[in-house]
PDB file of N, CA and C in Angstrom:
ATOM      1  N   MET A   1      -5.027 -14.323   8.416  1.00  0.00           N
ATOM      2  CA  MET A   1      -5.679 -13.306   8.330  1.00  0.00           C
ATOM      3  C   MET A   1      -6.823 -13.058   8.036  1.00  0.00           C
ATOM      4  N   SER A   2      -7.822 -13.074   8.261  1.00  0.00           N
ATOM      5  CA  SER A   2      -9.504 -12.759   7.754  1.00  0.00           C
ATOM      6  C   SER A   2      -9.818 -11.312   7.193  1.00  0.00           C
ATOM      7  N   ASP A   3     -10.493 -11.231   6.570  1.00  0.00           N
ATOM      8  CA  ASP A   3     -10.423  -9.448   5.391  1.00  0.00           C
ATOM      9  C   ASP A   3     -11.182  -8.757   6.755  1.00  0.00           C
ATOM     10  N   ALA A   4     -11.521  -9.260   7.855  1.00  0.00           N
ATOM     11  CA  ALA A   4     -11.909  -8.649   9.254  1.00  0.00           C
ATOM     12  C   ALA A   4     -10.768  -8.061   9.424  1.00  0.00           C
ATOM     13  N   ALA A   5      -9.958  -8.854   9.757  1.00  0.00           N
ATOM     14  CA  ALA A   5      -8.798  -8.005  10.354  1.00  0.00           C
ATOM     15  C   ALA A   5      -8.171  -6.915  10.182  1.00  0.00           C
ATOM     16  N   LEU A   6      -7.953  -7.523   8.113  1.00  0.00           N
ATOM     17  CA  LEU A   6      -7.024  -5.960   7.927  1.00  0.00           C
ATOM     18  C   LEU A   6      -8.223  -4.861   7.783  1.00  0.00           C
ATOM     19  N   GLU A   7      -9.084  -5.059   7.354  1.00  0.00           N
ATOM     20  CA  GLU A   7      -9.383  -3.858   7.587  1.00  0.00           C
ATOM     21  C   GLU A   7      -9.773  -3.129   8.748  1.00  0.00           C
ATOM     22  N   ASP A   8      -9.544  -4.000  10.274  1.00  0.00           N
ATOM     23  CA  ASP A   8      -9.283  -2.776  11.254  1.00  0.00           C
ATOM     24  C   ASP A   8      -7.906  -2.647  11.441  1.00  0.00           C
ATOM     25  N   THR A   9      -7.159  -3.404  10.964  1.00  0.00           N
ATOM     26  CA  THR A   9      -5.777  -2.584  10.910  1.00  0.00           C
ATOM     27  C   THR A   9      -4.983  -2.187   9.636  1.00  0.00           C
ATOM     28  N   HIS A  10      -5.840  -2.227   8.380  1.00  0.00           N
ATOM     29  CA  HIS A  10      -5.568  -1.565   7.568  1.00  0.00           C
ATOM     30  C   HIS A  10      -6.210  -0.997   6.643  1.00  0.00           C
ATOM     31  N   PRO A  11      -7.177  -0.239   7.110  1.00  0.00           N
ATOM     32  CA  PRO A  11      -8.683   0.308   6.270  1.00  0.00           C
ATOM     33  C   PRO A  11      -8.095   0.857   5.101  1.00  0.00           C
ATOM     34  N   ASN A  12      -6.838   1.572   5.143  1.00  0.00           N
ATOM     35  CA  ASN A  12      -7.074   2.481   3.205  1.00  0.00           C
ATOM     36  C   ASN A  12      -6.738   1.041   2.609  1.00  0.00           C
ATOM     37  N   ILE A  13      -6.121   0.104   3.066  1.00  0.00           N
ATOM     38  CA  ILE A  13      -5.577  -1.077   2.143  1.00  0.00           C
ATOM     39  C   ILE A  13      -6.539  -1.522   1.406  1.00  0.00           C
ATOM     40  N   ALA A  14      -7.166  -2.186   2.120  1.00  0.00           N
ATOM     41  CA  ALA A  14      -8.742  -3.137   2.459  1.00  0.00           C
ATOM     42  C   ALA A  14      -9.285  -2.266   1.375  1.00  0.00           C
ATOM     43  N   PHE A  15     -10.070  -0.514   1.345  1.00  0.00           N
ATOM     44  CA  PHE A  15     -10.600   0.481   0.714  1.00  0.00           C
ATOM     45  C   PHE A  15      -9.985   0.022  -1.178  1.00  0.00           C
ATOM     46  N   TRP A  16      -8.407   0.534  -0.870  1.00  0.00           N
ATOM     47  CA  TRP A  16      -8.015   0.538  -2.132  1.00  0.00           C
ATOM     48  C   TRP A  16      -8.446  -0.888  -3.003  1.00  0.00           C
ATOM     49  N   VAL A  17      -7.955  -2.038  -1.814  1.00  0.00           N
ATOM     50  CA  VAL A  17      -8.175  -3.020  -2.726  1.00  0.00           C
ATOM     51  C   VAL A  17      -9.662  -2.907  -3.269  1.00  0.00           C
ATOM     52  N   LYS A  18     -10.303  -3.296  -2.621  1.00  0.00           N
ATOM     53  CA  LYS A  18     -12.017  -3.370  -2.758  1.00  0.00           C
ATOM     54  C   LYS A  18     -12.743  -2.474  -3.908  1.00  0.00           C
ATOM     55  N   SER A  19     -11.896  -1.170  -4.182  1.00  0.00           N
ATOM     56  CA  SER A  19     -11.953  -0.291  -4.871  1.00  0.00           C
ATOM     57  C   SER A  19     -11.549  -0.317  -6.129  1.00  0.00           C
ATOM     58  N   GLY A  20     -10.780  -1.346  -6.361  1.00  0.00           N
ATOM     59  CA  GLY A  20     -10.162  -1.644  -7.898  1.00  0.00           C
ATOM     60  C   GLY A  20      -8.697  -1.530  -7.966  1.00  0.00           C
ATOM     61  N   GLY A  21      -8.126  -0.637  -6.727  1.00  0.00           N
ATOM     62  CA  GLY A  21      -6.456  -0.499  -6.898  1.00  0.00           C
ATOM     63  C   GLY A  21      -5.779  -2.028  -6.952  1.00  0.00           C
ATOM     64  N   TRP A  22      -4.228  -1.774  -6.780  1.00  0.00           N
ATOM     65  CA  TRP A  22      -3.762  -3.136  -6.291  1.00  0.00           C
ATOM     66  C   TRP A  22      -2.473  -2.732  -5.528  1.00  0.00           C
ATOM     67  N   ILE A  23      -2.188  -3.822  -4.911  1.00  0.00           N
ATOM     68  CA  ILE A  23      -0.625  -3.300  -4.487  1.00  0.00           C
ATOM     69  C   ILE A  23       0.285  -4.231  -4.827  1.00  0.00           C
ATOM     70  N   GLU A  24       1.752  -3.977  -5.049  1.00  0.00           N
ATOM     71  CA  GLU A  24       2.782  -4.399  -5.515  1.00  0.00           C
ATOM     72  C   GLU A  24       3.571  -4.494  -4.448  1.00  0.00           C
ATOM     73  N   GLY A  25       4.647  -5.841  -4.322  1.00  0.00           N
ATOM     74  CA  GLY A  25       5.225  -6.131  -3.244  1.00  0.00           C
ATOM     75  C   GLY A  25       6.662  -6.715  -3.802  1.00  0.00           C
ATOM     76  N   VAL A  26       7.889  -6.066  -4.254  1.00  0.00           N
ATOM     77  CA  VAL A  26       9.225  -6.343  -4.820  1.00  0.00           C
ATOM     78  C   VAL A  26      10.091  -6.397  -3.854  1.00  0.00           C
ATOM     79  N   ARG A  27      11.040  -7.701  -4.096  1.00  0.00           N
ATOM     80  CA  ARG A  27      11.797  -7.538  -3.552  1.00  0.00           C
ATOM     81  C   ARG A  27      13.374  -8.281  -4.139  1.00  0.00           C
ATOM     82  N   ASP A  28      13.246  -7.292  -5.465  1.00  0.00           N
ATOM     83  CA  ASP A  28      14.847  -8.338  -5.828  1.00  0.00           C
ATOM     84  C   ASP A  28      15.936  -7.376  -6.097  1.00  0.00           C
ATOM     85  N   GLY A  29      16.243  -6.304  -5.387  1.00  0.00           N
ATOM     86  CA  GLY A  29      17.196  -5.607  -5.967  1.00  0.00           C
ATOM     87  C   GLY A  29      17.431  -4.659  -7.162  1.00  0.00           C
ATOM     88  N   HIS A  30      15.948  -4.939  -7.873  1.00  0.00           N
ATOM     89  CA  HIS A  30      16.024  -3.780  -8.962  1.00  0.00           C
ATOM     90  C   HIS A  30      14.923  -3.022  -9.263  1.00  0.00           C
ATOM     91  N   VAL A  31      14.360  -3.147  -7.874  1.00  0.00           N
ATOM     92  CA  VAL A  31      13.075  -1.676  -7.767  1.00  0.00           C
ATOM     93  C   VAL A  31      13.330  -1.058  -6.507  1.00  0.00           C
ATOM     94  N   ASP A  32      13.484   0.277  -6.703  1.00  0.00           N
ATOM     95  CA  ASP A  32      13.581   1.182  -5.479  1.00  0.00           C
ATOM     96  C   ASP A  32      12.824   1.354  -4.216  1.00  0.00           C
ATOM     97  N   SER A  33      10.946   0.368  -4.567  1.00  0.00           N
ATOM     98  CA  SER A  33      10.506   0.325  -3.452  1.00  0.00           C
ATOM     99  C   SER A  33      10.022  -1.010  -2.914  1.00  0.00           C
ATOM    100  N   PHE A  34      10.111  -1.426  -1.287  1.00  0.00           N
ATOM    101  CA  PHE A  34       9.624  -2.309  -1.168  1.00  0.00           C
ATOM    102  C   PHE A  34       8.181  -2.942  -1.082  1.00  0.00           C
ATOM    103  N   VAL A  35       7.063  -1.865  -1.922  1.00  0.00           N
ATOM    104  CA  VAL A  35       5.924  -2.081  -1.364  1.00  0.00           C
ATOM    105  C   VAL A  35       5.248  -0.403  -2.359  1.00  0.00           C
ATOM    106  N   SER A  36       4.359  -0.943  -3.064  1.00  0.00           N
ATOM    107  CA  SER A  36       4.108   0.450  -4.135  1.00  0.00           C
ATOM    108  C   SER A  36       2.422   0.091  -3.953  1.00  0.00           C
ATOM    109  N   ALA A  37       1.144   1.009  -4.452  1.00  0.00           N
ATOM    110  CA  ALA A  37      -0.008   1.090  -4.267  1.00  0.00           C
ATOM    111  C   ALA A  37      -0.561   1.564  -5.616  1.00  0.00           C
ATOM    112  N   LEU A  38      -1.150   0.970  -6.585  1.00  0.00           N
ATOM    113  CA  LEU A  38      -1.185   1.383  -8.377  1.00  0.00           C
ATOM    114  C   LEU A  38      -2.863   1.134  -8.335  1.00  0.00           C
ATOM    115  N   ASP A  39      -3.201   2.229  -9.897  1.00  0.00           N
ATOM    116  CA  ASP A  39      -4.673   2.229  -9.664  1.00  0.00           C
ATOM    117  C   ASP A  39      -4.117   2.145 -11.329  1.00  0.00           C
ATOM    118  N   ASP A  40      -5.540   1.811 -11.998  1.00  0.00           N
ATOM    119  CA  ASP A  40      -5.460   1.863 -13.711  1.00  0.00           C
ATOM    120  C   ASP A  40      -4.475   3.041 -14.307  1.00  0.00           C
ATOM    121  N   GLY A  41      -4.551   3.849 -13.420  1.00  0.00           N
ATOM    122  CA  GLY A  41      -3.559   5.263 -14.551  1.00  0.00           C
ATOM    123  C   GLY A  41      -2.215   5.052 -13.761  1.00  0.00           C
ATOM    124  N   GLY A  42      -2.102   4.092 -12.866  1.00  0.00           N
ATOM    125  CA  GLY A  42      -0.430   3.978 -12.728  1.00  0.00           C
ATOM    126  C   GLY A  42      -0.024   4.242 -11.116  1.00  0.00           C
ATOM    127  N   LEU A  43       0.898   4.207 -11.031  1.00  0.00           N
ATOM    128  CA  LEU A  43       1.909   4.463  -9.925  1.00  0.00           C
ATOM    129  C   LEU A  43       0.779   5.453  -8.885  1.00  0.00           C
ATOM    130  N   VAL A  44       0.207   5.683  -7.966  1.00  0.00           N
ATOM    131  CA  VAL A  44       0.174   6.542  -7.329  1.00  0.00           C
ATOM    132  C   VAL A  44       0.511   6.497  -5.831  1.00  0.00           C
ATOM    133  N   TRP A  45       1.233   5.221  -5.287  1.00  0.00           N
ATOM    134  CA  TRP A  45       2.199   5.685  -4.199  1.00  0.00           C
ATOM    135  C   TRP A  45       3.237   4.402  -4.056  1.00  0.00           C
ATOM    136  N   GLN A  46       4.911   4.915  -4.052  1.00  0.00           N
ATOM    137  CA  GLN A  46       5.856   4.200  -3.588  1.00  0.00           C
ATOM    138  C   GLN A  46       6.821   4.336  -2.407  1.00  0.00           C
ATOM    139  N   GLY A  47       6.090   3.278  -1.253  1.00  0.00           N
ATOM    140  CA  GLY A  47       7.083   2.904  -0.221  1.00  0.00           C
ATOM    141  C   GLY A  47       8.884   2.692  -0.508  1.00  0.00           C
ATOM    142  N   ASP A  48       9.633   2.904   1.019  1.00  0.00           N
ATOM    143  CA  ASP A  48      10.917   2.624   1.088  1.00  0.00           C
ATOM    144  C   ASP A  48      11.339   1.509   0.289  1.00  0.00           C
ATOM    145  N   GLU A  49      12.664   1.945   0.131  1.00  0.00           N
ATOM    146  CA  GLU A  49      13.748   0.135  -0.043  1.00  0.00           C
ATOM    147  C   GLU A  49      13.557  -1.388   0.204  1.00  0.00           C
ATOM    148  N   HIS A  50      13.752  -0.534   2.118  1.00  0.00           N
ATOM    149  CA  HIS A  50      13.509  -1.439   2.826  1.00  0.00           C
ATOM    150  C   HIS A  50      12.664  -1.121   4.718  1.00  0.00           C
ATOM    151  N   TYR A  51      12.217  -1.942   4.462  1.00  0.00           N
ATOM    152  CA  TYR A  51      11.636  -2.291   5.949  1.00  0.00           C
ATOM    153  C   TYR A  51      11.629  -3.339   6.858  1.00  0.00           C
ATOM    154  N   GLU A  52      11.849  -2.902   8.191  1.00  0.00           N
ATOM    155  CA  GLU A  52      12.429  -3.745   9.244  1.00  0.00           C
ATOM    156  C   GLU A  52      11.308  -4.504   9.172  1.00  0.00           C
ATOM    157  N   THR A  53      10.147  -4.617   9.113  1.00  0.00           N
ATOM    158  CA  THR A  53       9.257  -5.527   9.449  1.00  0.00           C
ATOM    159  C   THR A  53       7.877  -5.639   8.170  1.00  0.00           C
ATOM    160  N   LEU A  54       7.842  -6.826   7.691  1.00  0.00           N
ATOM    161  CA  LEU A  54       6.341  -6.142   7.226  1.00  0.00           C
ATOM    162  C   LEU A  54       5.026  -5.041   7.350  1.00  0.00           C
ATOM    163  N   ASP A  55       4.821  -5.974   9.197  1.00  0.00           N
ATOM    164  CA  ASP A  55       3.951  -4.676   9.553  1.00  0.00           C
ATOM    165  C   ASP A  55       4.069  -3.028   9.450  1.00  0.00           C
ATOM    166  N   GLU A  56       5.770  -3.053   9.099  1.00  0.00           N
ATOM    167  CA  GLU A  56       5.944  -1.253   8.964  1.00  0.00           C
ATOM    168  C   GLU A  56       5.662  -1.177   7.947  1.00  0.00           C
ATOM    169  N   ALA A  57       5.944  -2.004   6.706  1.00  0.00           N
ATOM    170  CA  ALA A  57       6.242  -1.601   5.504  1.00  0.00           C
ATOM    171  C   ALA A  57       3.968  -1.649   5.269  1.00  0.00           C
ATOM    172  N   PHE A  58       3.406  -2.225   5.508  1.00  0.00           N
ATOM    173  CA  PHE A  58       1.896  -1.822   5.670  1.00  0.00           C
ATOM    174  C   PHE A  58       1.305  -1.038   5.846  1.00  0.00           C
ATOM    175  N   ARG A  59       2.208  -0.762   7.300  1.00  0.00           N
ATOM    176  CA  ARG A  59       1.475   0.633   7.780  1.00  0.00           C
ATOM    177  C   ARG A  59       1.679   1.748   6.877  1.00  0.00           C
ATOM    178  N   ALA A  60       3.323   2.065   6.762  1.00  0.00           N
ATOM    179  CA  ALA A  60       2.969   3.150   5.513  1.00  0.00           C
ATOM    180  C   ALA A  60       2.500   2.625   4.303  1.00  0.00           C
ATOM    181  N   LEU A  61       2.226   1.819   3.900  1.00  0.00           N
ATOM    182  CA  LEU A  61       1.464   1.554   2.775  1.00  0.00           C
ATOM    183  C   LEU A  61       0.468   1.924   3.278  1.00  0.00           C
ATOM    184  N   ASP A  62      -0.610   1.912   4.066  1.00  0.00           N
ATOM    185  CA  ASP A  62      -1.792   1.881   4.598  1.00  0.00           C
ATOM    186  C   ASP A  62      -2.037   3.541   4.503  1.00  0.00           C
ATOM    187  N   ALA A  63      -0.904   4.261   5.307  1.00  0.00           N
ATOM    188  CA  ALA A  63      -0.491   5.903   5.266  1.00  0.00           C
ATOM    189  C   ALA A  63      -0.786   6.257   4.301  1.00  0.00           C
ATOM    190  N   GLY A  64       0.114   6.279   3.044  1.00  0.00           N
ATOM    191  CA  GLY A  64       0.646   6.378   2.008  1.00  0.00           C
ATOM    192  C   GLY A  64      -1.095   6.498   1.297  1.00  0.00           C
ATOM    193  N   ILE A  65      -1.365   5.524   1.347  1.00  0.00           N
ATOM    194  CA  ILE A  65      -2.776   5.405   0.393  1.00  0.00           C
ATOM    195  C   ILE A  65      -3.613   6.646   1.303  1.00  0.00           C
ATOM    196  N   ALA A  66      -3.845   6.892   2.323  1.00  0.00           N
ATOM    197  CA  ALA A  66      -4.253   7.485   2.858  1.00  0.00           C
ATOM    198  C   ALA A  66      -4.576   8.354   2.482  1.00  0.00           C
ATOM    199  N   GLU A  67      -3.455   9.583   2.446  1.00  0.00           N
ATOM    200  CA  GLU A  67      -2.413  10.593   2.079  1.00  0.00           C
ATOM    201  C   GLU A  67      -2.742  10.625   0.570  1.00  0.00           C
ATOM    202  N   TRP A  68      -2.779   9.611  -0.352  1.00  0.00           N
ATOM    203  CA  TRP A  68      -3.233   9.991  -1.462  1.00  0.00           C
ATOM    204  C   TRP A  68      -4.985  10.401  -2.020  1.00  0.00           C
ATOM    205  N   LEU A  69      -5.581   9.823  -0.992  1.00  0.00           N
ATOM    206  CA  LEU A  69      -7.230   9.989  -1.378  1.00  0.00           C
ATOM    207  C   LEU A  69      -7.229  11.051  -0.565  1.00  0.00           C
ATOM    208  N   GLU A  70      -6.853  11.671   0.311  1.00  0.00           N
ATOM    209  CA  GLU A  70      -7.249  12.590   0.817  1.00  0.00           C
ATOM    210  C   GLU A  70      -6.719  13.632  -0.213  1.00  0.00           C
ATOM    211  N   GLY A  71      -5.351  13.566  -0.933  1.00  0.00           N
ATOM    212  CA  GLY A  71      -5.232  15.028  -1.890  1.00  0.00           C
ATOM    213  C   GLY A  71      -5.980  14.219  -3.341  1.00  0.00           C
ATOM    214  N   SER A  72      -6.782  13.446  -3.926  1.00  0.00           N
ATOM    215  CA  SER A  72      -7.455  12.940  -5.291  1.00  0.00           C
ATOM    216  C   SER A  72      -9.001  13.688  -4.805  1.00  0.00           C
ATOM    217  N   GLY A  73      -9.802  13.606  -3.333  1.00  0.00           N
ATOM    218  CA  GLY A  73     -10.928  13.439  -2.744  1.00  0.00           C
ATOM    219  C   GLY A  73     -11.219  15.177  -3.197  1.00  0.00           C
TER     220      GLY A  73
END
């Protein structure tokens, strides 16, 4: 997937990573979230433990980042 495609489909994730935040994806059975968004201050959004598809997880992550950005700005 090219950067342009990511920016088109998940613009908030692209913005988040380009502005210094990062995302983590974990599937080890010891973490309550499949995907999370973090910055230097720590955890800013935590998703569900399970998603049917990666696309569903990325859509939730993109929406969660957008919500956090709206509340913090």
